[in-house]
Amino acid sequence: MSEENKKHEAQGEMHQMTSLETPMRSDAFDKTDDQKIKIIQEHFKIIMETLGLDCTDDSLKGTPYRFAKMYVKEIFSGLNPENKPKMSVFENKYEYNKMLVESYITFNSSCEHHFLPIVGIAHVGYISSGKVIGISKINRIVQYYGKRPQVQERMTMQIFNELKKALDTEDVIVVVQAEHLCVSSRGVQDKTSFTTTIEYGGKFTDVILQNSFFKLTEKER
């Protein structure tokens, strides 16, 4: 192995999270989606050809475009703040002051270290401090932060902080459980493990309330 490749290998093992914000360039949105698709399409065609694939074949010639469009418009659409769901909140006029739990929210994300899928579920709970949020908005915010290159710990914190800000309360809890294909399909190739991350604040620091939340999320769907 060359010295350059050894350096890349060493860097590749550095899987630390450096910020709660997704690392973005200052010119991230100078290009339009169509411009990004065109550039990615051109480069992915080079990758395919480097692997020895014949991009003139009927089965493959549309793949670079499909891949690029998928990246920009679907898999990584959460990078664009214009796609962020509107966080509509309402006054808690019915004075519901107990825990609200939204369980088994499905999401698909991508590991920012290998760009392989992360597939999982999230459980979210909060106690109103005077505001409530439409249930579907909780699902949408989970999926929005999932649609970007991610570290699971960061994603958990991003969901947690977004809901705290929208609901104006510390009484929020977020649990994320996911399978990482960078673990199951490469490297150690462990097919059965999954990763759990959790963040909570306010009243959810109380162990009794935490246990009540966990019991609700453990129930059969």
Protein backbone atom coordinates (compact mmCIF):
# COMPACT_ATOMS: atom_id res chain seq x y z
CA MET A 1 0.00 0.00 0.00
CA SER A 2 1.34 3.43 -0.94
CA GLU A 3 2.00 6.10 1.68
CA GLU A 4 -0.84 8.17 0.25
CA ASN A 5 -3.27 5.27 0.59
CA LYS A 6 -2.05 4.61 4.13
CA LYS A 7 -2.88 8.23 4.93
CA HIS A 8 -6.36 7.82 3.45
CA GLU A 9 -6.86 4.61 5.44
CA ALA A 10 -5.93 6.41 8.66
CA GLN A 11 -8.27 9.28 7.87
CA GLY A 12 -11.00 6.78 7.04
CA GLU A 13 -10.88 5.39 10.56
CA MET A 14 -11.53 8.83 12.07
CA HIS A 15 -15.29 8.59 12.48
CA GLN A 16 -15.78 11.36 15.01
CA MET A 17 -18.61 13.89 14.90
CA THR A 18 -17.21 17.43 14.86
CA SER A 19 -20.40 19.53 15.05
CA LEU A 20 -24.12 19.35 15.80
CA GLU A 21 -24.62 21.08 12.48
CA THR A 22 -24.25 19.15 9.24
CA PRO A 23 -20.88 20.25 7.73
CA MET A 24 -21.79 22.49 4.79
CA ARG A 25 -19.78 24.66 2.41
CA SER A 26 -20.50 28.39 2.30
CA ASP A 27 -21.40 28.07 -1.41
CA ALA A 28 -23.64 25.03 -0.89
CA PHE A 29 -26.62 26.59 -2.64
CA ASP A 30 -24.96 28.70 -5.30
CA LYS A 31 -25.79 26.02 -7.86
CA THR A 32 -29.34 25.07 -8.81
CA ASP A 33 -30.58 21.51 -8.38
CA ASP A 34 -30.37 21.02 -12.15
CA GLN A 35 -26.74 22.16 -12.17
CA LYS A 36 -25.89 19.81 -9.32
CA ILE A 37 -27.60 16.90 -11.08
CA LYS A 38 -25.61 17.57 -14.25
CA ILE A 39 -22.26 17.66 -12.38
CA ILE A 40 -22.98 14.54 -10.31
CA GLN A 41 -24.21 12.72 -13.41
CA GLU A 42 -20.95 13.43 -15.23
CA HIS A 43 -18.79 12.32 -12.31
CA PHE A 44 -20.79 9.20 -11.53
CA LYS A 45 -20.50 8.12 -15.15
CA ILE A 46 -16.72 8.33 -14.71
CA ILE A 47 -16.97 6.18 -11.57
CA MET A 48 -19.02 3.57 -13.42
CA GLU A 49 -16.60 3.51 -16.34
CA THR A 50 -13.63 3.29 -13.96
CA LEU A 51 -15.24 0.18 -12.47
CA GLY A 52 -15.31 -1.24 -16.00
CA LEU A 53 -19.02 -0.80 -16.72
CA ASP A 54 -20.26 -0.06 -20.24
CA CYS A 55 -22.39 3.07 -19.94
CA THR A 56 -23.56 2.73 -23.56
CA ASP A 57 -25.49 -0.44 -22.65
CA ASP A 58 -29.26 0.09 -22.68
CA SER A 59 -29.51 -1.08 -19.08
CA LEU A 60 -26.85 1.36 -17.80
CA LYS A 61 -26.91 4.46 -19.99
CA GLY A 62 -29.60 6.17 -17.92
CA THR A 63 -28.05 5.24 -14.57
CA PRO A 64 -25.76 8.28 -14.09
CA TYR A 65 -28.74 10.65 -14.46
CA ARG A 66 -31.01 8.52 -12.27
CA PHE A 67 -28.31 8.35 -9.61
CA ALA A 68 -27.69 12.11 -9.66
CA LYS A 69 -31.39 12.99 -9.55
CA MET A 70 -31.93 10.56 -6.67
CA TYR A 71 -29.09 12.12 -4.68
CA VAL A 72 -30.24 15.71 -5.12
CA LYS A 73 -34.02 15.35 -5.10
CA GLU A 74 -34.51 12.44 -2.72
CA ILE A 75 -31.76 10.90 -0.62
CA PHE A 76 -30.03 14.19 0.27
CA SER A 77 -32.95 16.59 -0.11
CA GLY A 78 -32.69 17.35 3.61
CA LEU A 79 -29.52 19.34 2.96
CA ASN A 80 -31.59 22.12 1.41
CA PRO A 81 -33.30 24.30 4.05
CA GLU A 82 -36.02 25.08 1.52
CA ASN A 83 -37.22 21.50 2.02
CA LYS A 84 -37.53 21.88 5.78
CA PRO A 85 -41.13 21.20 6.88
CA LYS A 86 -43.02 24.16 8.29
CA MET A 87 -43.26 23.68 12.04
CA SER A 88 -46.90 24.63 12.60
CA VAL A 89 -47.64 24.80 16.31
CA PHE A 90 -50.90 25.62 18.06
CA GLU A 91 -52.04 26.82 21.43
CA ASN A 92 -52.79 23.94 23.78
CA LYS A 93 -56.39 25.07 24.35
CA TYR A 94 -57.53 21.67 25.60
CA GLU A 95 -54.84 21.84 28.29
CA TYR A 96 -53.48 18.35 27.70
CA ASN A 97 -50.52 18.30 30.06
CA LYS A 98 -49.37 14.69 29.93
CA MET A 99 -46.83 13.02 27.67
CA LEU A 100 -47.50 12.78 23.93
CA VAL A 101 -45.57 10.01 22.20
CA GLU A 102 -45.12 9.36 18.48
CA SER A 103 -43.57 5.90 18.03
CA TYR A 104 -42.06 3.87 15.20
CA ILE A 105 -41.40 6.78 12.86
CA THR A 106 -39.56 5.20 9.95
CA PHE A 107 -36.69 6.94 8.19
CA ASN A 108 -33.92 6.31 5.70
CA SER A 109 -30.61 8.10 5.99
CA SER A 110 -27.02 7.70 4.83
CA CYS A 111 -23.80 7.23 6.77
CA GLU A 112 -21.58 10.23 6.05
CA HIS A 113 -18.46 8.06 6.35
CA HIS A 114 -19.33 5.52 3.65
CA PHE A 115 -22.51 6.92 2.04
CA LEU A 116 -24.29 3.65 2.73
CA PRO A 117 -27.89 3.48 4.01
CA ILE A 118 -28.97 3.88 7.60
CA VAL A 119 -32.44 2.41 8.06
CA GLY A 120 -34.32 2.90 11.28
CA ILE A 121 -37.11 4.14 13.48
CA ALA A 122 -37.47 7.05 15.88
CA HIS A 123 -39.60 7.45 18.99
CA VAL A 124 -40.40 11.01 20.07
CA GLY A 125 -42.17 12.32 23.13
CA TYR A 126 -42.90 15.74 24.60
CA ILE A 127 -44.94 17.47 27.27
CA SER A 128 -46.64 20.68 26.20
CA SER A 129 -45.64 23.93 27.84
CA GLY A 130 -48.54 25.68 26.12
CA LYS A 131 -47.88 24.67 22.52
CA VAL A 132 -48.71 21.54 20.55
CA ILE A 133 -47.56 20.43 17.13
CA GLY A 134 -49.36 18.51 14.39
CA ILE A 135 -48.43 14.84 14.72
CA SER A 136 -47.39 14.51 11.07
CA LYS A 137 -44.88 17.35 11.57
CA ILE A 138 -42.95 15.17 14.01
CA ASN A 139 -42.65 12.47 11.35
CA ARG A 140 -41.62 15.02 8.75
CA ILE A 141 -38.90 16.55 10.90
CA VAL A 142 -37.41 13.09 11.56
CA GLN A 143 -37.41 12.32 7.86
CA TYR A 144 -36.03 15.77 6.94
CA TYR A 145 -32.95 15.35 9.13
CA GLY A 146 -32.57 11.79 7.89
CA LYS A 147 -32.31 12.90 4.26
CA ARG A 148 -28.70 13.99 4.44
CA PRO A 149 -25.32 12.38 5.11
CA GLN A 150 -25.56 11.69 8.83
CA VAL A 151 -24.05 10.53 12.05
CA GLN A 152 -26.80 8.97 14.16
CA GLU A 153 -25.82 10.93 17.27
CA ARG A 154 -26.06 14.20 15.34
CA MET A 155 -29.40 13.29 13.80
CA THR A 156 -30.82 12.53 17.25
CA MET A 157 -29.65 15.90 18.56
CA GLN A 158 -30.93 17.78 15.52
CA ILE A 159 -34.43 16.32 15.95
CA PHE A 160 -34.32 17.01 19.68
CA ASN A 161 -33.19 20.64 19.27
CA GLU A 162 -35.70 21.32 16.48
CA LEU A 163 -38.62 20.14 18.58
CA LYS A 164 -37.41 22.01 21.67
CA LYS A 165 -37.24 25.21 19.65
CA ALA A 166 -40.63 24.75 17.95
CA LEU A 167 -42.47 23.76 21.13
CA ASP A 168 -40.61 26.19 23.40
CA THR A 169 -39.97 23.51 26.00
CA GLU A 170 -37.14 21.42 27.41
CA ASP A 171 -39.54 18.52 28.00
CA VAL A 172 -38.62 16.50 24.92
CA ILE A 173 -37.22 13.00 24.46
CA VAL A 174 -35.92 11.39 21.26
CA VAL A 175 -34.80 7.79 20.70
CA VAL A 176 -33.37 6.62 17.38
CA GLN A 177 -32.74 2.95 16.57
CA ALA A 178 -31.13 2.04 13.27
CA GLU A 179 -29.29 -0.54 11.23
CA HIS A 180 -26.16 0.76 9.50
CA LEU A 181 -25.32 -0.95 6.24
CA CYS A 182 -21.71 0.17 6.65
CA VAL A 183 -21.69 -2.37 9.49
CA SER A 184 -23.90 -5.08 7.99
CA SER A 185 -22.74 -5.05 4.34
CA ARG A 186 -19.00 -4.25 4.68
CA GLY A 187 -16.25 -4.37 7.26
CA VAL A 188 -17.37 -6.57 10.16
CA GLN A 189 -20.54 -7.57 8.22
CA ASP A 190 -22.66 -7.95 11.34
CA LYS A 191 -26.21 -8.63 10.12
CA THR A 192 -28.05 -8.52 13.44
CA SER A 193 -26.82 -5.51 15.42
CA PHE A 194 -28.48 -2.10 15.53
CA THR A 195 -27.55 1.20 17.13
CA THR A 196 -29.61 3.17 19.66
CA THR A 197 -29.14 6.84 20.52
CA ILE A 198 -31.15 8.93 22.97
CA GLU A 199 -31.43 12.56 24.01
CA TYR A 200 -33.79 14.11 26.55
CA GLY A 201 -34.24 17.14 28.75
CA GLY A 202 -36.52 18.84 31.25
CA LYS A 203 -39.03 16.54 32.92
CA PHE A 204 -37.69 13.57 30.99
CA THR A 205 -34.62 13.54 33.23
CA ASP A 206 -36.97 11.89 35.74
CA VAL A 207 -36.37 8.13 35.61
CA ILE A 208 -40.03 7.28 36.28
CA LEU A 209 -41.18 9.40 33.32
CA GLN A 210 -38.43 7.93 31.15
CA ASN A 211 -39.57 4.41 31.99
CA SER A 212 -43.17 5.32 31.14
CA PHE A 213 -41.97 6.55 27.75
CA PHE A 214 -39.93 3.40 27.12
CA LYS A 215 -42.89 1.18 28.00
CA LEU A 216 -45.07 2.99 25.48
CA THR A 217 -42.47 2.60 22.73
CA GLU A 218 -41.95 -1.08 23.48
CA LYS A 219 -45.58 -2.03 22.91
CA GLU A 220 -46.54 -4.01 19.85
CA ARG A 221 -47.72 -1.87 16.98
